[in-house]
Structures are given as C-alpha cells and as structure tokens.
Amino acid sequence: MNILCTVCVRAGSKGLKGKNFIRINNRYLISYTLDVAIKSKLFTHIVVSTDSRKIRALKKNYKKVDFIKRPK
C-alpha cells in the first residue's frame, strides 16, 4: 500500500510571520515536521506544497522529499 504525506506550507503566515524559519535548537521549525515524517517510515512518499522559494530551497537537505510550487 502507498501512503502519501502532504505538508502544505504558506510563505506568508497570518498569525506568526515567518514561523517556518524560526530557529529552535538551531533548526528551522519546518525541519522538525519533515524529519518526523521521514523517521516515522509510515509514508511511501512525502510532498511539500509551498509558494515560498526559501522553503523549496530546503530540497538540497531533504532528498527523500519532493517540493512542488503552488500558486499563492
């Protein structure tokens, strides 16, 4: 069975600006989400859907995750 994990990330947060790039213990907040998804081994495919170039630039750190551009 194939199980898809989707992580939807907006560039402009309304509540806390730039929250995905807040550093906690020298790691971005979004990194915790992706690391847990990978380490869980529950998913056969992990996709990040985002309108942010900065988030898509994380692709180099996450070879097992696909990043797709979505419209604002």
C-alpha atoms as a PDB file:
ATOM      1  CA  MET A   1       0.000   0.000   0.000  1.00  0.00           C
ATOM      2  CA  ASN A   2       1.238   3.516  -0.833  1.00  0.00           C
ATOM      3  CA  ILE A   3       0.722   6.257   1.728  1.00  0.00           C
ATOM      4  CA  LEU A   4       1.218   9.910   0.800  1.00  0.00           C
ATOM      5  CA  CYS A   5       2.195  12.591   3.303  1.00  0.00           C
ATOM      6  CA  THR A   6       1.467  16.164   2.247  1.00  0.00           C
ATOM      7  CA  VAL A   7       2.908  19.140   4.083  1.00  0.00           C
ATOM      8  CA  CYS A   8       1.255  22.391   2.996  1.00  0.00           C
ATOM      9  CA  VAL A   9       3.364  25.437   3.823  1.00  0.00           C
ATOM     10  CA  ARG A  10       2.413  29.044   3.075  1.00  0.00           C
ATOM     11  CA  ALA A  11       5.063  31.704   2.650  1.00  0.00           C
ATOM     12  CA  GLY A  12       3.077  34.392   4.470  1.00  0.00           C
ATOM     13  CA  SER A  13       1.761  33.244   7.800  1.00  0.00           C
ATOM     14  CA  LYS A  14      -1.044  35.400   9.153  1.00  0.00           C
ATOM     15  CA  GLY A  15      -0.516  34.568  12.812  1.00  0.00           C
ATOM     16  CA  LEU A  16       3.256  34.493  13.222  1.00  0.00           C
ATOM     17  CA  LYS A  17       5.266  35.939  10.340  1.00  0.00           C
ATOM     18  CA  GLY A  18       7.986  33.632   9.033  1.00  0.00           C
ATOM     19  CA  LYS A  19       7.175  30.917  11.563  1.00  0.00           C
ATOM     20  CA  ASN A  20       8.607  28.116   9.426  1.00  0.00           C
ATOM     21  CA  PHE A  21      12.041  29.705   9.627  1.00  0.00           C
ATOM     22  CA  ILE A  22      12.049  30.366  13.337  1.00  0.00           C
ATOM     23  CA  ARG A  23      15.027  28.532  14.790  1.00  0.00           C
ATOM     24  CA  ILE A  24      14.539  26.207  17.744  1.00  0.00           C
ATOM     25  CA  ASN A  25      17.711  24.485  18.943  1.00  0.00           C
ATOM     26  CA  ASN A  26      19.432  25.791  15.804  1.00  0.00           C
ATOM     27  CA  ARG A  27      16.900  24.072  13.474  1.00  0.00           C
ATOM     28  CA  TYR A  28      14.056  25.548  11.472  1.00  0.00           C
ATOM     29  CA  LEU A  29      10.538  24.753  12.652  1.00  0.00           C
ATOM     30  CA  ILE A  30       9.670  23.212   9.264  1.00  0.00           C
ATOM     31  CA  SER A  31      12.667  20.874   9.631  1.00  0.00           C
ATOM     32  CA  TYR A  32      11.096  19.213  12.668  1.00  0.00           C
ATOM     33  CA  THR A  33       7.968  18.390  10.660  1.00  0.00           C
ATOM     34  CA  LEU A  34       9.917  16.912   7.756  1.00  0.00           C
ATOM     35  CA  ASP A  35      12.290  14.948   9.981  1.00  0.00           C
ATOM     36  CA  VAL A  36       9.430  13.342  11.898  1.00  0.00           C
ATOM     37  CA  ALA A  37       7.657  12.390   8.663  1.00  0.00           C
ATOM     38  CA  ILE A  38      10.826  10.773   7.303  1.00  0.00           C
ATOM     39  CA  LYS A  39      11.784   8.995  10.525  1.00  0.00           C
ATOM     40  CA  SER A  40       8.279   7.600  11.039  1.00  0.00           C
ATOM     41  CA  LYS A  41       8.701   5.349   7.978  1.00  0.00           C
ATOM     42  CA  LEU A  42       4.905   5.401   7.643  1.00  0.00           C
ATOM     43  CA  PHE A  43       4.905   7.185   4.303  1.00  0.00           C
ATOM     44  CA  THR A  44       5.964   5.931   0.913  1.00  0.00           C
ATOM     45  CA  HIS A  45       6.012   9.465  -0.466  1.00  0.00           C
ATOM     46  CA  ILE A  46       6.388  12.878   1.197  1.00  0.00           C
ATOM     47  CA  VAL A  47       5.469  16.065  -0.670  1.00  0.00           C
ATOM     48  CA  VAL A  48       5.796  19.685   0.449  1.00  0.00           C
ATOM     49  CA  SER A  49       3.451  22.067  -1.341  1.00  0.00           C
ATOM     50  CA  THR A  50       4.541  25.682  -0.980  1.00  0.00           C
ATOM     51  CA  ASP A  51       4.543  29.092  -2.605  1.00  0.00           C
ATOM     52  CA  SER A  52       7.867  30.005  -0.952  1.00  0.00           C
ATOM     53  CA  ARG A  53      11.201  29.882  -2.786  1.00  0.00           C
ATOM     54  CA  LYS A  54      13.016  29.768   0.541  1.00  0.00           C
ATOM     55  CA  ILE A  55      11.166  26.637   1.605  1.00  0.00           C
ATOM     56  CA  ARG A  56      11.711  24.983  -1.780  1.00  0.00           C
ATOM     57  CA  ALA A  57      15.431  25.712  -1.334  1.00  0.00           C
ATOM     58  CA  LEU A  58      15.420  23.156   1.503  1.00  0.00           C
ATOM     59  CA  LYS A  59      15.258  20.469  -1.200  1.00  0.00           C
ATOM     60  CA  LYS A  60      19.040  20.094  -1.014  1.00  0.00           C
ATOM     61  CA  ASN A  61      18.713  18.968   2.624  1.00  0.00           C
ATOM     62  CA  TYR A  62      15.802  16.574   2.042  1.00  0.00           C
ATOM     63  CA  LYS A  63      16.489  14.191  -0.839  1.00  0.00           C
ATOM     64  CA  LYS A  64      13.559  11.916   0.129  1.00  0.00           C
ATOM     65  CA  VAL A  65      11.027  14.761  -0.005  1.00  0.00           C
ATOM     66  CA  ASP A  66       9.503  16.277  -3.145  1.00  0.00           C
ATOM     67  CA  PHE A  67       8.851  20.018  -3.165  1.00  0.00           C
ATOM     68  CA  ILE A  68       6.247  21.415  -5.512  1.00  0.00           C
ATOM     69  CA  LYS A  69       5.392  25.008  -6.288  1.00  0.00           C
ATOM     70  CA  ARG A  70       1.804  26.009  -5.762  1.00  0.00           C
ATOM     71  CA  PRO A  71       0.073  29.261  -6.621  1.00  0.00           C
ATOM     72  CA  LYS A  72      -0.305  31.954  -3.979  1.00  0.00           C
END
